[in-house]
């Protein structure tokens, strides 16, 4: 197991470019199964989760021409459907939460699918009900194999239906959309997720010949087609990385330019960091964070303590709450962080408290941060990364802390952030992989 050794307290400077969006990539790559024609994808992030899915597609019989680490052409004209029922698929797919995304395309094109018990972050319960119920409403039959721990879906014919999702699940919406594009008739999905990831997926599918309207809203209308063709698609910059770099600049009192940030697709992210007192300057498609000695958390207009919480798009993404929490530890003022979606995502705050942060963990979903205002620097400690986002939040804390920190279990960080140590070294960070 690898670790990061970090010696913090150094100001950074320079330009950094965000990788392709991890969450978009897992959906886009799964969608190549919907056609036997070539599909070329650009700006693929070179991270563990995405590379594992590409490897999984290859094991399924998809032909892969990797032009470089960030561009591939896929052709799913020789898919081995029976591989999905194998122990090898269950073992490999179980390591990757994103493996659930192949179910919709497989069900649409091959009329059967298998979903292994999902792996991924240890951030709380992540149910599959929205996916399964949506598939059933489209005409699929669902079975659970208790002996092997996987779900099996069969559908001699998928037919359009009127769906009202019980939650605006991003992966659930994407999976159902991919199943519905080849279903017979019209499907409407109300309370659909409308995150940029889903918008990008729908745009790509329309380029392949699908008929999806309402893209960007919570009501999607899909008229099924007989088949889809090939296309070329470029993945957006990762908005979670953009937010992480904004937080990094503020915590380390650094002047950093985030180049090619995909500003048009960031939603509330810049404004939420501005609420923490961070000077976020939009310069075309770049973001510049100037060096700031201090930053002060705003209050509500009535003087009440600021609350930042996650909410379905266009609300604030839950993936950045860990970053916001860390950044608040060195601000002036107080903030309540309310993580509504996952009940275990705030447990990493015990490491920050050990570093000297003033945080009250109210319950599994809420934490109050009393900003230190830089009167007292965080101190370096040895800690372990529990999940992707908490891992990067702890890394940001370590880069701002006095002394040496050791972050263990960095495979979690590598799942979502490509070459993060090398890119931070280019900014002047004292970080090494051991």
Protein backbone atom coordinates (compact mmCIF):
# COMPACT_ATOMS: atom_id res chain seq x y z
CA UNK A 1 0.00 0.00 0.00
CA UNK A 2 1.37 3.42 -0.98
CA UNK A 3 1.33 6.60 1.07
CA UNK A 4 1.89 10.31 0.52
CA UNK A 5 4.50 12.09 2.62
CA UNK A 6 3.66 15.78 2.73
CA UNK A 7 5.60 18.65 4.27
CA UNK A 8 3.14 21.49 4.46
CA UNK A 9 3.20 25.21 5.03
CA UNK A 10 4.56 26.08 1.58
CA UNK A 11 2.90 28.59 -0.70
CA UNK A 12 2.24 27.22 -4.17
CA UNK A 13 2.01 29.01 -7.49
CA UNK A 14 1.40 28.32 -11.14
CA UNK A 15 -1.21 26.89 -13.49
CA UNK A 16 -3.02 23.58 -13.23
CA UNK A 17 -5.44 21.96 -15.68
CA UNK A 18 -8.33 19.80 -14.44
CA UNK A 19 -8.64 16.26 -15.74
CA UNK A 20 -11.67 14.93 -17.59
CA UNK A 21 -14.71 14.41 -15.37
CA UNK A 22 -14.61 11.03 -13.62
CA UNK A 23 -18.38 10.77 -13.10
CA UNK A 24 -19.08 11.62 -16.73
CA UNK A 25 -16.47 9.18 -17.99
CA UNK A 26 -18.04 6.19 -16.23
CA UNK A 27 -21.36 6.87 -17.99
CA UNK A 28 -19.91 7.76 -21.40
CA UNK A 29 -17.67 4.69 -21.51
CA UNK A 30 -20.59 2.41 -20.61
CA UNK A 31 -22.63 3.92 -23.46
CA UNK A 32 -20.22 2.52 -26.10
CA UNK A 33 -21.99 -0.83 -25.53
CA UNK A 34 -25.13 0.57 -27.19
CA UNK A 35 -23.74 0.30 -30.73
CA UNK A 36 -21.53 -1.94 -32.83
CA UNK A 37 -20.05 1.14 -34.55
CA UNK A 38 -16.80 2.83 -33.45
CA UNK A 39 -17.08 5.46 -30.70
CA UNK A 40 -14.12 7.76 -29.98
CA UNK A 41 -13.82 9.41 -26.56
CA UNK A 42 -11.41 12.26 -25.75
CA UNK A 43 -10.27 13.78 -22.43
CA UNK A 44 -10.59 10.47 -20.57
CA UNK A 45 -9.16 10.82 -17.05
CA UNK A 46 -6.24 8.46 -16.40
CA UNK A 47 -7.45 7.23 -13.01
CA UNK A 48 -7.98 3.85 -11.39
CA UNK A 49 -11.78 3.72 -11.57
CA UNK A 50 -11.90 4.69 -15.25
CA UNK A 51 -9.03 2.42 -16.25
CA UNK A 52 -10.72 -0.47 -14.44
CA UNK A 53 -13.93 0.13 -16.42
CA UNK A 54 -11.96 0.24 -19.69
CA UNK A 55 -10.30 -3.04 -18.70
CA UNK A 56 -13.74 -4.47 -17.91
CA UNK A 57 -15.06 -3.44 -21.34
CA UNK A 58 -12.09 -5.18 -22.93
CA UNK A 59 -12.82 -8.34 -20.95
CA UNK A 60 -16.40 -8.17 -22.30
CA UNK A 61 -15.07 -8.28 -25.86
CA UNK A 62 -15.12 -4.58 -26.71
CA UNK A 63 -12.28 -3.75 -29.09
CA UNK A 64 -10.20 -0.86 -27.71
CA UNK A 65 -7.76 1.29 -29.66
CA UNK A 66 -5.99 3.47 -27.12
CA UNK A 67 -4.53 6.42 -29.03
CA UNK A 68 -2.99 7.81 -25.84
CA UNK A 69 -3.80 7.84 -22.12
CA UNK A 70 -6.70 10.25 -22.69
CA UNK A 71 -8.23 9.21 -26.04
CA UNK A 72 -9.66 5.84 -27.08
CA UNK A 73 -11.80 4.39 -29.83
CA UNK A 74 -14.16 1.61 -28.73
CA UNK A 75 -16.06 -0.86 -30.90
CA UNK A 76 -18.54 -3.18 -29.20
CA UNK A 77 -19.21 -5.48 -32.16
CA UNK A 78 -18.02 -8.69 -30.49
CA UNK A 79 -19.47 -8.48 -26.98
CA UNK A 80 -19.39 -11.70 -24.94
CA UNK A 81 -22.72 -11.43 -23.12
CA UNK A 82 -22.09 -14.58 -21.09
CA UNK A 83 -18.95 -13.06 -19.56
CA UNK A 84 -21.18 -10.93 -17.36
CA UNK A 85 -22.46 -14.07 -15.63
CA UNK A 86 -18.91 -15.18 -14.77
CA UNK A 87 -17.10 -15.10 -11.45
CA UNK A 88 -14.42 -12.97 -13.13
CA UNK A 89 -16.95 -10.22 -13.94
CA UNK A 90 -18.45 -10.34 -10.46
CA UNK A 91 -15.02 -10.05 -8.87
CA UNK A 92 -13.77 -7.21 -11.07
CA UNK A 93 -17.11 -5.42 -11.32
CA UNK A 94 -17.55 -5.61 -7.56
CA UNK A 95 -14.43 -3.48 -7.13
CA UNK A 96 -15.97 -0.63 -9.10
CA UNK A 97 -19.14 1.25 -8.26
CA UNK A 98 -19.34 2.38 -11.90
CA UNK A 99 -19.78 -1.19 -13.15
CA UNK A 100 -23.50 -0.78 -12.47
CA UNK A 101 -23.58 1.58 -15.48
CA UNK A 102 -23.13 -1.25 -18.01
CA UNK A 103 -26.53 -2.71 -17.03
CA UNK A 104 -28.65 -0.19 -18.97
CA UNK A 105 -26.77 -0.56 -22.27
CA UNK A 106 -26.60 -4.37 -21.97
CA UNK A 107 -30.31 -4.60 -21.21
CA UNK A 108 -31.16 -2.31 -24.14
CA UNK A 109 -29.04 -4.04 -26.73
CA UNK A 110 -28.72 -7.65 -25.54
CA UNK A 111 -31.89 -7.95 -23.43
CA UNK A 112 -30.10 -9.18 -20.31
CA UNK A 113 -27.75 -7.72 -17.75
CA UNK A 114 -25.94 -8.61 -14.54
CA UNK A 115 -25.10 -6.21 -11.73
CA UNK A 116 -22.49 -7.31 -9.17
CA UNK A 117 -22.72 -6.12 -5.59
CA UNK A 118 -21.20 -2.65 -5.94
CA UNK A 119 -17.89 -1.53 -4.49
CA UNK A 120 -16.35 1.93 -4.31
CA UNK A 121 -16.31 4.49 -1.50
CA UNK A 122 -17.09 3.70 2.12
CA UNK A 123 -19.30 6.75 2.50
CA UNK A 124 -22.59 5.12 3.42
CA UNK A 125 -25.39 3.16 1.83
CA UNK A 126 -25.71 3.58 -1.94
CA UNK A 127 -28.84 1.78 -2.99
CA UNK A 128 -29.70 0.46 -6.45
CA UNK A 129 -33.48 0.66 -6.10
CA UNK A 130 -33.88 3.55 -8.58
CA UNK A 131 -32.00 1.61 -11.27
CA UNK A 132 -33.87 -1.68 -10.73
CA UNK A 133 -37.34 -0.13 -10.44
CA UNK A 134 -36.76 1.88 -13.63
CA UNK A 135 -35.68 -1.22 -15.54
CA UNK A 136 -38.72 -3.12 -14.27
CA UNK A 137 -41.06 -0.36 -15.47
CA UNK A 138 -39.48 -0.65 -18.91
CA UNK A 139 -40.35 -4.35 -18.92
CA UNK A 140 -37.35 -6.11 -17.38
CA UNK A 141 -37.67 -8.98 -14.92
CA UNK A 142 -35.38 -8.81 -11.90
CA UNK A 143 -33.78 -11.64 -9.91
CA UNK A 144 -31.30 -11.63 -7.05
CA UNK A 145 -28.80 -14.47 -6.71
CA UNK A 146 -28.07 -14.69 -2.97
CA UNK A 147 -25.41 -17.38 -3.39
CA UNK A 148 -23.25 -15.24 -5.68
CA UNK A 149 -24.40 -11.77 -4.59
CA UNK A 150 -25.48 -10.29 -7.92
CA UNK A 151 -28.62 -9.01 -9.67
CA UNK A 152 -29.81 -10.46 -12.96
CA UNK A 153 -32.16 -8.67 -15.35
CA UNK A 154 -33.96 -10.16 -18.36
CA UNK A 155 -36.08 -8.31 -20.91
CA UNK A 156 -37.31 -10.03 -24.10
CA UNK A 157 -38.59 -6.58 -25.13
CA UNK A 158 -38.19 -3.17 -23.51
CA UNK A 159 -41.14 -0.82 -23.94
CA UNK A 160 -41.41 2.87 -23.20
CA UNK A 161 -43.10 3.90 -19.96
CA UNK A 162 -43.91 6.96 -17.85
CA UNK A 163 -41.42 6.95 -14.98
CA UNK A 164 -41.44 9.09 -11.85
CA UNK A 165 -38.13 8.49 -10.09
CA UNK A 166 -38.20 8.22 -6.32
CA UNK A 167 -34.95 10.24 -6.20
CA UNK A 168 -33.04 12.24 -8.84
CA UNK A 169 -30.19 9.74 -8.90
CA UNK A 170 -27.45 10.65 -11.39
CA UNK A 171 -26.38 7.08 -12.08
CA UNK A 172 -29.98 5.86 -11.93
CA UNK A 173 -31.11 8.45 -14.49
CA UNK A 174 -28.18 7.69 -16.78
CA UNK A 175 -28.74 3.94 -16.61
CA UNK A 176 -32.47 4.22 -17.35
CA UNK A 177 -31.81 6.66 -20.22
CA UNK A 178 -29.38 4.19 -21.80
CA UNK A 179 -31.95 1.41 -21.50
CA UNK A 180 -34.76 3.57 -22.88
CA UNK A 181 -33.02 4.83 -26.05
CA UNK A 182 -33.48 1.43 -27.73
CA UNK A 183 -36.85 0.62 -26.13
CA UNK A 184 -40.01 0.47 -28.20
CA UNK A 185 -42.07 3.66 -27.97
CA UNK A 186 -41.79 6.74 -25.76
CA UNK A 187 -40.31 6.93 -22.28
CA UNK A 188 -40.72 9.94 -20.00
CA UNK A 189 -38.51 10.29 -16.94
CA UNK A 190 -39.76 12.82 -14.38
CA UNK A 191 -37.59 13.86 -11.42
CA UNK A 192 -34.61 12.97 -13.58
CA UNK A 193 -31.15 14.12 -12.52
CA UNK A 194 -29.97 17.01 -14.69
CA UNK A 195 -26.28 17.23 -13.71
CA UNK A 196 -23.83 18.14 -16.49
CA UNK A 197 -22.78 14.46 -16.54
CA UNK A 198 -26.30 13.42 -17.57
CA UNK A 199 -26.55 16.30 -20.04
CA UNK A 200 -23.30 15.20 -21.67
CA UNK A 201 -24.51 11.60 -21.89
CA UNK A 202 -27.79 12.67 -23.54
CA UNK A 203 -25.94 14.93 -25.98
CA UNK A 204 -23.63 12.06 -26.98
CA UNK A 205 -26.55 9.63 -27.38
CA UNK A 206 -28.39 12.14 -29.60
CA UNK A 207 -25.26 12.41 -31.75
CA UNK A 208 -25.41 8.61 -32.06
CA UNK A 209 -29.01 8.81 -33.32
CA UNK A 210 -31.07 8.73 -30.13
CA UNK A 211 -34.11 10.99 -29.73
CA UNK A 212 -33.91 12.62 -26.30
CA UNK A 213 -35.52 15.97 -25.49
CA UNK A 214 -35.64 17.98 -22.28
CA UNK A 215 -31.87 17.70 -21.80
CA UNK A 216 -30.83 19.87 -18.84
CA UNK A 217 -34.25 19.65 -17.18
CA UNK A 218 -35.76 17.15 -14.75
CA UNK A 219 -38.20 15.88 -17.40
CA UNK A 220 -36.60 13.77 -20.12
CA UNK A 221 -38.59 12.49 -23.09
CA UNK A 222 -37.04 9.61 -25.01
CA UNK A 223 -38.42 8.19 -28.23
CA UNK A 224 -36.87 4.78 -28.79
CA UNK A 225 -34.95 4.05 -31.97
CA UNK A 226 -34.02 0.75 -33.62
CA UNK A 227 -30.26 1.23 -33.42
CA UNK A 228 -27.51 3.73 -32.70
CA UNK A 229 -24.38 4.62 -34.66
CA UNK A 230 -20.89 5.81 -33.80
CA UNK A 231 -19.72 9.25 -32.72
CA UNK A 232 -16.88 11.27 -31.24
CA UNK A 233 -17.27 12.81 -27.79
CA UNK A 234 -15.10 14.98 -25.51
CA UNK A 235 -15.53 14.71 -21.74
CA UNK A 236 -15.93 17.93 -19.72
CA UNK A 237 -13.32 19.15 -17.23
CA UNK A 238 -13.91 17.62 -13.78
CA UNK A 239 -15.81 20.18 -11.72
CA UNK A 240 -14.85 18.37 -8.51
CA UNK A 241 -11.18 18.88 -9.33
CA UNK A 242 -11.87 22.54 -10.08
CA UNK A 243 -13.46 22.98 -6.65
CA UNK A 244 -10.61 21.06 -5.02
CA UNK A 245 -8.02 23.38 -6.59
CA UNK A 246 -9.95 26.49 -5.47
CA UNK A 247 -9.85 25.12 -1.93
CA UNK A 248 -6.17 24.21 -2.23
CA UNK A 249 -5.24 27.75 -3.27
CA UNK A 250 -7.16 29.30 -0.38
CA UNK A 251 -5.81 26.94 2.29
CA UNK A 252 -2.17 27.32 1.21
CA UNK A 253 -2.39 31.10 0.59
CA UNK A 254 -1.35 30.47 -3.00
CA UNK A 255 -1.91 32.22 -6.33
CA UNK A 256 -3.14 29.51 -8.70
CA UNK A 257 -4.71 29.61 -12.16
CA UNK A 258 -7.08 26.77 -13.07
CA UNK A 259 -6.87 26.54 -16.84
CA UNK A 260 -9.75 25.22 -18.95
CA UNK A 261 -12.08 24.96 -15.96
CA UNK A 262 -15.30 24.50 -17.93
CA UNK A 263 -16.75 27.58 -16.24
CA UNK A 264 -20.10 27.32 -18.05
CA UNK A 265 -20.77 23.96 -16.37
CA UNK A 266 -19.75 24.77 -12.76
CA UNK A 267 -23.13 25.95 -11.51
CA UNK A 268 -22.98 27.20 -7.90
CA UNK A 269 -19.43 26.01 -7.21
CA UNK A 270 -17.66 29.40 -7.58
CA UNK A 271 -20.35 31.16 -5.52
CA UNK A 272 -20.16 28.65 -2.66
CA UNK A 273 -16.42 29.24 -2.31
CA UNK A 274 -17.05 32.98 -2.47
CA UNK A 275 -19.40 32.52 0.50
CA UNK A 276 -16.37 31.28 2.41
CA UNK A 277 -14.63 34.57 1.57
CA UNK A 278 -12.43 33.25 -1.24
CA UNK A 279 -11.68 35.58 -4.13
CA UNK A 280 -12.68 33.54 -7.20
CA UNK A 281 -11.91 35.43 -10.41
CA UNK A 282 -13.38 34.14 -13.68
CA UNK A 283 -11.14 34.90 -16.66
CA UNK A 284 -12.78 33.46 -19.76
CA UNK A 285 -12.71 29.69 -19.25
CA UNK A 286 -9.97 29.99 -16.60
CA UNK A 287 -10.27 30.66 -12.88
CA UNK A 288 -7.66 32.67 -10.99
CA UNK A 289 -7.37 32.45 -7.20
CA UNK A 290 -5.07 35.21 -5.93
CA UNK A 291 -2.96 34.81 -2.82
CA UNK A 292 -5.11 35.61 0.22
CA UNK A 293 -3.75 36.01 3.73
CA UNK A 294 -7.23 35.62 5.22
CA UNK A 295 -10.77 34.88 4.11
CA UNK A 296 -13.97 35.39 6.07
CA UNK A 297 -17.12 33.26 5.97
CA UNK A 298 -20.23 35.23 5.11
CA UNK A 299 -23.39 35.11 7.19
CA UNK A 300 -26.97 35.02 5.97
CA UNK A 301 -28.62 38.41 5.47
CA UNK A 302 -30.31 38.18 8.87
CA UNK A 303 -26.97 37.53 10.55
CA UNK A 304 -27.50 33.78 10.92
CA UNK A 305 -24.59 31.36 10.64
CA UNK A 306 -24.02 30.17 7.08
CA UNK A 307 -25.17 26.64 6.20
CA UNK A 308 -23.77 24.85 3.17
CA UNK A 309 -25.54 21.66 2.13
CA UNK A 310 -25.68 19.30 -0.83
CA UNK A 311 -28.63 19.28 -3.19
CA UNK A 312 -29.46 17.78 -6.60
CA UNK A 313 -28.25 19.87 -9.54
CA UNK A 314 -28.35 22.79 -9.99
CA UNK A 315 -27.77 22.74 -6.22
CA UNK A 316 -24.33 22.21 -4.69
CA UNK A 317 -22.65 18.87 -5.38
CA UNK A 318 -22.10 16.55 -2.37
CA UNK A 319 -18.66 15.65 -3.73
CA UNK A 320 -17.28 19.05 -2.69
CA UNK A 321 -18.60 19.24 0.87
CA UNK A 322 -15.46 17.55 2.21
CA UNK A 323 -13.34 20.22 0.49
CA UNK A 324 -15.54 23.08 1.75
CA UNK A 325 -15.32 21.71 5.29
CA UNK A 326 -11.51 21.65 5.23
CA UNK A 327 -11.28 25.12 3.72
CA UNK A 328 -13.55 26.49 6.46
CA UNK A 329 -11.13 25.35 9.18
CA UNK A 330 -8.74 28.25 8.41
CA UNK A 331 -11.39 30.87 7.62
CA UNK A 332 -12.67 33.55 9.94
CA UNK A 333 -16.15 32.71 11.17
CA UNK A 334 -18.28 29.61 11.46
CA UNK A 335 -20.26 27.43 9.09
CA UNK A 336 -22.60 24.45 9.38
CA UNK A 337 -21.87 21.72 6.82
CA UNK A 338 -24.93 19.53 6.18
CA UNK A 339 -24.20 16.37 4.20
CA UNK A 340 -27.68 15.06 3.44
CA UNK A 341 -26.91 12.24 1.05
CA UNK A 342 -24.33 9.95 2.70
CA UNK A 343 -24.27 9.13 6.38
CA UNK A 344 -20.56 8.29 6.66
CA UNK A 345 -18.96 11.05 4.64
CA UNK A 346 -18.21 13.39 7.55
CA UNK A 347 -16.45 10.82 9.72
CA UNK A 348 -13.07 11.93 8.39
CA UNK A 349 -13.38 15.06 10.56
CA UNK A 350 -11.72 13.18 13.43
CA UNK A 351 -8.43 13.43 11.52
CA UNK A 352 -8.88 17.19 11.11
CA UNK A 353 -9.60 17.55 14.83
CA UNK A 354 -6.35 15.67 15.52
CA UNK A 355 -4.62 18.25 13.29
CA UNK A 356 -5.98 21.04 15.49
CA UNK A 357 -9.17 22.05 13.66
CA UNK A 358 -12.17 23.15 15.68
CA UNK A 359 -15.07 21.03 14.46
CA UNK A 360 -18.19 19.77 16.21
CA UNK A 361 -19.58 16.63 14.58
CA UNK A 362 -23.24 17.14 15.46
CA UNK A 363 -24.41 13.82 13.98
CA UNK A 364 -23.50 11.65 10.96
CA UNK A 365 -24.86 14.29 8.59
CA UNK A 366 -23.87 17.64 10.14
CA UNK A 367 -20.65 19.27 11.29
CA UNK A 368 -20.08 22.79 12.61
CA UNK A 369 -16.70 24.30 11.75
CA UNK A 370 -15.32 27.15 13.86
CA UNK A 371 -12.70 28.79 11.67
CA UNK A 372 -9.25 29.34 13.18
CA UNK A 373 -8.63 32.44 11.05
CA UNK A 374 -4.99 31.30 10.66
CA UNK A 375 -4.33 32.15 14.33
CA UNK A 376 -3.23 28.55 14.71
CA UNK A 377 -1.90 26.42 11.84
CA UNK A 378 -2.96 22.81 11.47
CA UNK A 379 -0.28 20.31 12.47
CA UNK A 380 0.92 17.35 10.46
CA UNK A 381 -0.15 13.86 11.53
CA UNK A 382 -0.39 10.33 10.12
CA UNK A 383 -3.86 9.53 8.75
CA UNK A 384 -5.68 7.28 6.30
CA UNK A 385 -7.83 8.24 3.33
CA UNK A 386 -11.37 6.80 3.79
CA UNK A 387 -12.74 7.79 0.36
CA UNK A 388 -11.80 9.78 -2.74
CA UNK A 389 -13.09 13.20 -1.70
CA UNK A 390 -12.13 12.99 1.99
CA UNK A 391 -8.69 11.81 0.87
CA UNK A 392 -8.11 14.94 -1.20
CA UNK A 393 -9.56 17.11 1.56
CA UNK A 394 -7.00 15.61 3.98
CA UNK A 395 -4.28 16.16 1.38
CA UNK A 396 -5.22 19.85 1.16
CA UNK A 397 -5.16 20.06 4.94
CA UNK A 398 -1.70 18.44 5.00
CA UNK A 399 -0.35 20.88 2.41
CA UNK A 400 -1.42 23.79 4.62
CA UNK A 401 -0.26 22.23 7.92
CA UNK A 402 3.00 22.73 9.79
CA UNK A 403 5.36 19.78 9.72
CA UNK A 404 5.13 16.38 8.10
CA UNK A 405 1.93 14.47 7.36
CA UNK A 406 1.59 10.91 6.12
CA UNK A 407 -1.58 9.97 4.23
CA UNK A 408 -2.14 6.23 3.89
CA UNK A 409 -4.54 4.29 1.65
CA UNK A 410 -3.93 6.73 -1.19
CA UNK A 411 -5.34 4.20 -3.65
CA UNK A 412 -8.64 5.88 -2.76
CA UNK A 413 -7.27 9.23 -3.98
CA UNK A 414 -5.82 7.64 -7.13
CA UNK A 415 -9.31 6.33 -7.95
CA UNK A 416 -10.44 9.88 -8.69
CA UNK A 417 -7.42 12.18 -9.22
CA UNK A 418 -4.84 11.51 -11.94
CA UNK A 419 -1.12 12.05 -11.20
CA UNK A 420 -2.14 14.27 -8.29
CA UNK A 421 1.29 14.17 -6.64
CA UNK A 422 3.09 15.11 -9.87
CA UNK A 423 0.69 17.94 -10.65
CA UNK A 424 1.03 19.36 -7.13
CA UNK A 425 4.82 19.08 -7.31
CA UNK A 426 4.67 21.24 -10.44
CA UNK A 427 3.00 23.94 -8.30
CA UNK A 428 5.78 23.70 -5.72
CA UNK A 429 4.24 21.28 -3.22
CA UNK A 430 6.54 19.11 -1.09
CA UNK A 431 4.82 15.77 -1.65
CA UNK A 432 6.20 12.34 -2.48
CA UNK A 433 4.72 8.91 -3.00
CA UNK A 434 6.29 6.20 -0.85
